[in-house]
C-alpha atoms as a PDB file:
ATOM      1  CA  MET A   1      83.108 127.494 -49.271  1.00  0.00           C
ATOM      2  CA  LEU A   2      84.291 124.510 -47.419  1.00  0.00           C
ATOM      3  CA  LEU A   3      84.970 121.500 -49.503  1.00  0.00           C
ATOM      4  CA  ILE A   4      85.205 118.002 -48.694  1.00  0.00           C
ATOM      5  CA  ARG A   5      87.052 115.878 -50.898  1.00  0.00           C
ATOM      6  CA  ASP A   6      89.407 112.622 -51.531  1.00  0.00           C
ATOM      7  CA  ILE A   7      93.205 113.543 -50.487  1.00  0.00           C
ATOM      8  CA  THR A   8      95.443 113.785 -53.273  1.00  0.00           C
ATOM      9  CA  ARG A   9      99.287 113.379 -53.215  1.00  0.00           C
ATOM     10  CA  ALA A  10      99.801 117.076 -53.584  1.00  0.00           C
ATOM     11  CA  ASP A  11      98.109 117.337 -49.960  1.00  0.00           C
ATOM     12  CA  TYR A  12     100.486 114.967 -48.077  1.00  0.00           C
ATOM     13  CA  PRO A  13     103.093 117.740 -47.067  1.00  0.00           C
ATOM     14  CA  VAL A  14     100.125 119.902 -45.419  1.00  0.00           C
ATOM     15  CA  VAL A  15      98.469 116.686 -43.769  1.00  0.00           C
ATOM     16  CA  GLU A  16     101.810 115.921 -42.332  1.00  0.00           C
ATOM     17  CA  GLU A  17     102.281 119.342 -40.895  1.00  0.00           C
ATOM     18  CA  LEU A  18      98.598 119.510 -39.645  1.00  0.00           C
ATOM     19  CA  LEU A  19      98.861 115.875 -38.029  1.00  0.00           C
ATOM     20  CA  ASP A  20     102.140 116.707 -36.409  1.00  0.00           C
ATOM     21  CA  SER A  21     100.373 119.967 -35.034  1.00  0.00           C
ATOM     22  CA  ASN A  22      97.889 117.924 -33.216  1.00  0.00           C
ATOM     23  CA  ASP A  23     100.310 115.441 -31.871  1.00  0.00           C
ATOM     24  CA  LEU A  24      98.823 112.537 -34.297  1.00  0.00           C
ATOM     25  CA  GLY A  25     101.979 112.784 -36.719  1.00  0.00           C
ATOM     26  CA  VAL A  26     103.709 109.357 -37.256  1.00  0.00           C
ATOM     27  CA  GLY A  27     107.429 111.246 -37.205  1.00  0.00           C
ATOM     28  CA  GLY A  28     108.088 110.416 -40.843  1.00  0.00           C
ATOM     29  CA  ALA A  29     106.488 111.181 -44.483  1.00  0.00           C
ATOM     30  CA  TYR A  30     102.810 111.073 -44.934  1.00  0.00           C
ATOM     31  CA  SER A  31     101.508 107.658 -46.438  1.00  0.00           C
ATOM     32  CA  PRO A  32      97.743 106.892 -46.030  1.00  0.00           C
ATOM     33  CA  GLU A  33      98.627 103.606 -47.467  1.00  0.00           C
ATOM     34  CA  GLY A  34      95.381 101.226 -46.301  1.00  0.00           C
ATOM     35  CA  GLN A  35      92.875 104.293 -45.404  1.00  0.00           C
ATOM     36  CA  GLU A  36      90.384 106.140 -46.893  1.00  0.00           C
ATOM     37  CA  VAL A  37      91.465 109.686 -46.403  1.00  0.00           C
ATOM     38  CA  VAL A  38      89.342 113.252 -46.950  1.00  0.00           C
ATOM     39  CA  VAL A  39      90.706 116.525 -46.277  1.00  0.00           C
ATOM     40  CA  ALA A  40      88.722 119.949 -45.653  1.00  0.00           C
ATOM     41  CA  GLU A  41      89.838 122.660 -48.096  1.00  0.00           C
ATOM     42  CA  LEU A  42      88.859 126.091 -47.494  1.00  0.00           C
ATOM     43  CA  HIS A  43      89.790 128.812 -49.727  1.00  0.00           C
ATOM     44  CA  GLY A  44      92.414 126.649 -51.424  1.00  0.00           C
ATOM     45  CA  SER A  45      93.985 125.481 -48.060  1.00  0.00           C
ATOM     46  CA  VAL A  46      93.538 122.141 -46.455  1.00  0.00           C
ATOM     47  CA  VAL A  47      92.323 122.964 -42.955  1.00  0.00           C
ATOM     48  CA  GLY A  48      91.312 119.596 -41.569  1.00  0.00           C
ATOM     49  CA  ILE A  49      91.781 115.854 -42.512  1.00  0.00           C
ATOM     50  CA  ALA A  50      90.184 112.290 -41.608  1.00  0.00           C
ATOM     51  CA  GLU A  51      91.208 108.795 -42.181  1.00  0.00           C
ATOM     52  CA  PHE A  52      89.070 105.947 -41.704  1.00  0.00           C
ATOM     53  CA  GLN A  53      88.259 102.544 -43.171  1.00  0.00           C
ATOM     54  CA  LEU A  54      84.917 101.674 -44.406  1.00  0.00           C
ATOM     55  CA  ASP A  55      84.957  97.838 -43.846  1.00  0.00           C
ATOM     56  CA  CYS A  56      86.270  97.312 -40.071  1.00  0.00           C
ATOM     57  CA  ASP A  57      85.689  94.657 -37.512  1.00  0.00           C
ATOM     58  CA  PHE A  58      86.946  96.176 -34.683  1.00  0.00           C
ATOM     59  CA  GLY A  59      86.230  94.443 -31.435  1.00  0.00           C
ATOM     60  CA  ARG A  60      84.925  90.831 -32.522  1.00  0.00           C
ATOM     61  CA  ASP A  61      88.502  89.581 -33.212  1.00  0.00           C
ATOM     62  CA  GLU A  62      89.524  90.928 -29.848  1.00  0.00           C
ATOM     63  CA  GLY A  63      86.553  89.540 -27.553  1.00  0.00           C
ATOM     64  CA  ARG A  64      84.320  92.128 -28.180  1.00  0.00           C
ATOM     65  CA  PRO A  65      81.254  90.479 -29.088  1.00  0.00           C
ATOM     66  CA  ASP A  66      79.143  93.674 -28.265  1.00  0.00           C
ATOM     67  CA  HIS A  67      80.420  95.550 -31.240  1.00  0.00           C
ATOM     68  CA  PRO A  68      78.010  95.929 -34.343  1.00  0.00           C
ATOM     69  CA  ARG A  69      78.546  94.476 -37.419  1.00  0.00           C
ATOM     70  CA  GLU A  70      78.741  96.415 -40.785  1.00  0.00           C
ATOM     71  CA  GLN A  71      80.671  99.086 -38.976  1.00  0.00           C
ATOM     72  CA  ALA A  72      83.338 102.117 -40.285  1.00  0.00           C
ATOM     73  CA  TRP A  73      86.165 102.714 -38.206  1.00  0.00           C
ATOM     74  CA  LEU A  74      87.048 106.812 -37.844  1.00  0.00           C
ATOM     75  CA  LEU A  75      90.990 106.185 -37.099  1.00  0.00           C
ATOM     76  CA  THR A  76      92.323 109.768 -36.916  1.00  0.00           C
ATOM     77  CA  MET A  77      90.945 113.484 -37.515  1.00  0.00           C
ATOM     78  CA  ALA A  78      92.303 116.598 -37.199  1.00  0.00           C
ATOM     79  CA  VAL A  79      91.486 120.243 -38.009  1.00  0.00           C
ATOM     80  CA  ALA A  80      93.789 123.385 -37.793  1.00  0.00           C
ATOM     81  CA  ASP A  81      93.431 125.347 -34.732  1.00  0.00           C
ATOM     82  CA  ALA A  82      92.497 128.508 -36.606  1.00  0.00           C
ATOM     83  CA  HIS A  83      89.368 126.689 -37.985  1.00  0.00           C
ATOM     84  CA  ARG A  84      87.737 124.665 -34.955  1.00  0.00           C
ATOM     85  CA  ARG A  85      84.429 125.456 -34.049  1.00  0.00           C
ATOM     86  CA  HIS A  86      83.447 126.494 -37.260  1.00  0.00           C
ATOM     87  CA  GLY A  87      81.903 123.617 -38.669  1.00  0.00           C
ATOM     88  CA  VAL A  88      85.066 121.605 -40.259  1.00  0.00           C
ATOM     89  CA  GLY A  89      85.254 118.645 -37.915  1.00  0.00           C
ATOM     90  CA  ARG A  90      81.512 117.974 -38.190  1.00  0.00           C
ATOM     91  CA  ALA A  91      81.574 118.287 -42.074  1.00  0.00           C
ATOM     92  CA  LEU A  92      84.301 115.803 -42.172  1.00  0.00           C
ATOM     93  CA  VAL A  93      82.108 113.111 -39.698  1.00  0.00           C
ATOM     94  CA  THR A  94      79.102 113.890 -41.672  1.00  0.00           C
ATOM     95  CA  GLU A  95      81.016 112.935 -45.189  1.00  0.00           C
ATOM     96  CA  ILE A  96      82.609 109.845 -43.459  1.00  0.00           C
ATOM     97  CA  ALA A  97      78.632 108.834 -42.392  1.00  0.00           C
ATOM     98  CA  ARG A  98      77.697 109.223 -45.921  1.00  0.00           C
ATOM     99  CA  ARG A  99      80.578 107.323 -47.355  1.00  0.00           C
ATOM    100  CA  THR A 100      79.879 104.621 -44.566  1.00  0.00           C
ATOM    101  CA  GLN A 101      76.175 104.582 -45.740  1.00  0.00           C
ATOM    102  CA  ASP A 102      76.809 104.455 -49.350  1.00  0.00           C
ATOM    103  CA  ALA A 103      79.134 101.484 -48.742  1.00  0.00           C
ATOM    104  CA  GLY A 104      76.492  99.540 -46.982  1.00  0.00           C
ATOM    105  CA  ARG A 105      77.855  99.966 -43.507  1.00  0.00           C
ATOM    106  CA  THR A 106      75.310 100.763 -40.459  1.00  0.00           C
ATOM    107  CA  PHE A 107      77.507 102.307 -37.658  1.00  0.00           C
ATOM    108  CA  LEU A 108      80.534 104.308 -37.294  1.00  0.00           C
ATOM    109  CA  ALA A 109      83.092 103.882 -34.457  1.00  0.00           C
ATOM    110  CA  LEU A 110      86.444 105.458 -33.236  1.00  0.00           C
ATOM    111  CA  VAL A 111      88.226 105.693 -30.308  1.00  0.00           C
ATOM    112  CA  PRO A 112      88.773 109.440 -29.113  1.00  0.00           C
ATOM    113  CA  GLN A 113      92.788 110.290 -29.296  1.00  0.00           C
ATOM    114  CA  ASP A 114      93.894 110.968 -25.809  1.00  0.00           C
ATOM    115  CA  GLY A 115      95.963 114.017 -25.360  1.00  0.00           C
ATOM    116  CA  ASP A 116      96.111 117.791 -23.719  1.00  0.00           C
ATOM    117  CA  ASP A 117      92.670 118.256 -25.314  1.00  0.00           C
ATOM    118  CA  THR A 118      90.851 114.878 -24.835  1.00  0.00           C
ATOM    119  CA  ALA A 119      88.121 116.095 -23.082  1.00  0.00           C
ATOM    120  CA  ASP A 120      87.471 118.597 -25.988  1.00  0.00           C
ATOM    121  CA  ARG A 121      87.611 115.829 -28.353  1.00  0.00           C
ATOM    122  CA  ARG A 122      84.991 113.769 -26.605  1.00  0.00           C
ATOM    123  CA  THR A 123      82.939 116.715 -26.157  1.00  0.00           C
ATOM    124  CA  PHE A 124      83.122 117.140 -30.104  1.00  0.00           C
ATOM    125  CA  PHE A 125      82.271 113.547 -30.964  1.00  0.00           C
ATOM    126  CA  ARG A 126      79.396 113.398 -28.211  1.00  0.00           C
ATOM    127  CA  ALA A 127      77.839 116.740 -30.433  1.00  0.00           C
ATOM    128  CA  CYS A 128      78.218 114.783 -33.600  1.00  0.00           C
ATOM    129  CA  GLY A 129      75.921 111.969 -31.901  1.00  0.00           C
ATOM    130  CA  LEU A 130      79.088 109.686 -31.065  1.00  0.00           C
ATOM    131  CA  VAL A 131      78.728 108.066 -27.608  1.00  0.00           C
ATOM    132  CA  PRO A 132      80.944 105.466 -25.643  1.00  0.00           C
ATOM    133  CA  ILE A 133      79.647 101.824 -26.690  1.00  0.00           C
ATOM    134  CA  GLU A 134      81.816 100.322 -24.075  1.00  0.00           C
ATOM    135  CA  PRO A 135      82.838 101.114 -20.382  1.00  0.00           C
ATOM    136  CA  ASP A 136      83.892 104.754 -20.627  1.00  0.00           C
ATOM    137  CA  GLY A 137      87.865 104.786 -20.323  1.00  0.00           C
ATOM    138  CA  PRO A 138      91.072 105.502 -22.162  1.00  0.00           C
ATOM    139  CA  GLY A 139      90.991 103.235 -25.356  1.00  0.00           C
ATOM    140  CA  ALA A 140      87.185 102.559 -25.049  1.00  0.00           C
ATOM    141  CA  ALA A 141      85.236 102.407 -28.169  1.00  0.00           C
ATOM    142  CA  TRP A 142      82.645 105.352 -29.539  1.00  0.00           C
ATOM    143  CA  GLY A 143      80.034 105.385 -32.145  1.00  0.00           C
ATOM    144  CA  CYS A 144      76.588 105.500 -33.275  1.00  0.00           C
ATOM    145  CA  PRO A 145      74.399 104.417 -36.238  1.00  0.00           C
ATOM    146  CA  VAL A 146      75.437 106.466 -39.486  1.00  0.00           C
ATOM    147  CA  ALA A 147      71.650 107.039 -39.921  1.00  0.00           C
ATOM    148  CA  GLN A 148      71.630 109.372 -36.501  1.00  0.00           C
ATOM    149  CA  ILE A 149      74.552 111.559 -37.980  1.00  0.00           C
ATOM    150  CA  LEU A 150      72.878 112.078 -41.298  1.00  0.00           C
ATOM    151  CA  ALA A 151      69.519 112.755 -39.704  1.00  0.00           C
ATOM    152  CA  ALA A 152      70.901 115.220 -37.565  1.00  0.00           C
ATOM    153  CA  GLU A 153      72.709 117.069 -40.594  1.00  0.00           C
ATOM    154  CA  GLY A 154      69.738 116.866 -42.440  1.00  0.00           C
ATOM    155  CA  VAL A 155      71.243 114.567 -45.216  1.00  0.00           C
ATOM    156  CA  ALA A 156      69.096 112.267 -46.830  1.00  0.00           C
ATOM    157  CA  THR A 157      69.607 108.468 -45.526  1.00  0.00           C
ATOM    158  CA  THR A 158      69.244 105.561 -47.549  1.00  0.00           C
ATOM    159  CA  GLN A 159      65.838 104.852 -46.202  1.00  0.00           C
ATOM    160  CA  GLY A 160      64.916 108.361 -47.217  1.00  0.00           C
ATOM    161  CA  ARG A 161      66.141 108.612 -50.514  1.00  0.00           C
END
């Protein structure tokens, strides 16, 4: 059974390898300082990771006034190749949406990382309900209300509890 949980220090080496294998590594020892991090664990092994911030004002300070308030920001997400297309990524996004809502935020935003699998990443995020919220292109922000993500997964929202 898939378990989404907070990262522990024991996970750092595996997370570092997972990020590196997805071309998302920082080239050194993994350190999640200043970020919230959850991992997806299956049969005792970490198979996915997501780094996020629950309180983010991306855009407003950079002259992007149309960005919604009360947003959380998905920074980095990676799933082991062997576990893609098995619900791991969607479970990570859903957990972040739940935590976002619990923190009183109403919107989840991100910038899909560029790379060899950019099209696949964009297709995945669209399937989760996230869409471009500014003119589409490299570095464009995507997002959607967390209630939309949770409703699609059948998770009770604050309004529905």
